[in-house]
């Protein structure tokens, strides 16, 4: 069982490393930003119809981290619960 956990952890680490290395420090852009860039290349005088009520800024990263933490906590809980049930 320990070998499975070690191999799974190594696989997850490899996948995360490949993702980080492939994107580097260029940053991530959302589909909204990509769509706006594409529209402005097609139609130069484009103006958005509405503006967002709230721009998350740095808080967006914190909220995403909390979401990841909650997800991993739930996954870990159910894995332990399943193991104890057997």
Protein backbone atom coordinates (compact mmCIF):
# COMPACT_ATOMS: atom_id res chain seq x y z
CA UNK A 1 0.00 0.00 0.00
CA UNK A 2 2.86 2.39 0.78
CA UNK A 3 4.32 1.82 -2.69
CA UNK A 4 0.99 2.82 -4.28
CA UNK A 5 0.89 6.05 -2.28
CA UNK A 6 4.51 6.88 -3.12
CA UNK A 7 3.98 6.17 -6.84
CA UNK A 8 0.74 8.18 -6.91
CA UNK A 9 2.43 11.09 -5.14
CA UNK A 10 5.33 10.98 -7.59
CA UNK A 11 2.90 10.95 -10.53
CA UNK A 12 1.00 13.96 -9.17
CA UNK A 13 4.27 15.80 -8.58
CA UNK A 14 5.42 15.07 -12.15
CA UNK A 15 2.13 16.30 -13.63
CA UNK A 16 2.28 19.50 -11.56
CA UNK A 17 5.91 20.08 -12.53
CA UNK A 18 5.17 19.66 -16.23
CA UNK A 19 2.30 22.13 -15.96
CA UNK A 20 4.38 24.73 -14.14
CA UNK A 21 7.39 24.35 -16.45
CA UNK A 22 5.30 24.51 -19.62
CA UNK A 23 3.58 27.77 -18.61
CA UNK A 24 6.59 29.28 -16.86
CA UNK A 25 6.12 32.80 -15.58
CA UNK A 26 3.93 33.98 -18.46
CA UNK A 27 0.88 33.83 -16.25
CA UNK A 28 -2.54 32.43 -16.89
CA UNK A 29 -5.27 34.25 -18.75
CA UNK A 30 -8.94 33.49 -18.54
CA UNK A 31 -11.24 32.89 -21.46
CA UNK A 32 -12.83 36.30 -20.98
CA UNK A 33 -9.48 38.02 -21.54
CA UNK A 34 -8.68 35.80 -24.52
CA UNK A 35 -12.07 36.49 -26.10
CA UNK A 36 -11.68 40.24 -25.63
CA UNK A 37 -8.24 40.16 -27.26
CA UNK A 38 -9.61 38.17 -30.21
CA UNK A 39 -12.57 40.52 -30.65
CA UNK A 40 -10.36 43.62 -30.58
CA UNK A 41 -8.12 42.12 -33.28
CA UNK A 42 -11.17 41.54 -35.49
CA UNK A 43 -13.02 44.76 -34.68
CA UNK A 44 -10.71 47.54 -33.50
CA UNK A 45 -13.41 49.91 -32.21
CA UNK A 46 -15.10 47.31 -30.00
CA UNK A 47 -16.30 48.52 -26.61
CA UNK A 48 -17.73 46.14 -23.98
CA UNK A 49 -21.43 46.52 -23.27
CA UNK A 50 -21.06 46.38 -19.51
CA UNK A 51 -18.24 46.55 -17.00
CA UNK A 52 -17.75 44.07 -14.16
CA UNK A 53 -19.05 45.15 -10.77
CA UNK A 54 -16.01 43.71 -8.97
CA UNK A 55 -12.45 42.96 -10.05
CA UNK A 56 -10.98 40.31 -7.72
CA UNK A 57 -7.30 41.14 -8.33
CA UNK A 58 -5.01 39.41 -5.82
CA UNK A 59 -7.94 37.98 -3.92
CA UNK A 60 -8.65 35.69 -6.86
CA UNK A 61 -5.53 33.63 -6.11
CA UNK A 62 -6.47 33.32 -2.45
CA UNK A 63 -9.99 32.16 -3.31
CA UNK A 64 -8.61 29.61 -5.77
CA UNK A 65 -6.21 28.31 -3.11
CA UNK A 66 -9.05 27.94 -0.62
CA UNK A 67 -11.04 26.03 -3.25
CA UNK A 68 -8.11 23.66 -3.78
CA UNK A 69 -7.73 23.18 -0.02
CA UNK A 70 -11.41 22.30 0.39
CA UNK A 71 -11.24 19.87 -2.53
CA UNK A 72 -8.18 18.05 -1.24
CA UNK A 73 -9.67 17.93 2.25
CA UNK A 74 -12.84 16.30 0.94
CA UNK A 75 -10.90 13.82 -1.19
CA UNK A 76 -8.64 12.93 1.74
CA UNK A 77 -11.59 12.54 4.09
CA UNK A 78 -13.41 10.15 1.77
CA UNK A 79 -10.26 8.14 1.09
CA UNK A 80 -9.66 7.70 4.82
CA UNK A 81 -13.34 6.97 5.44
CA UNK A 82 -13.28 4.29 2.72
CA UNK A 83 -10.13 2.73 4.16
CA UNK A 84 -11.59 2.62 7.68
CA UNK A 85 -14.82 1.12 6.35
CA UNK A 86 -12.96 -1.89 4.93
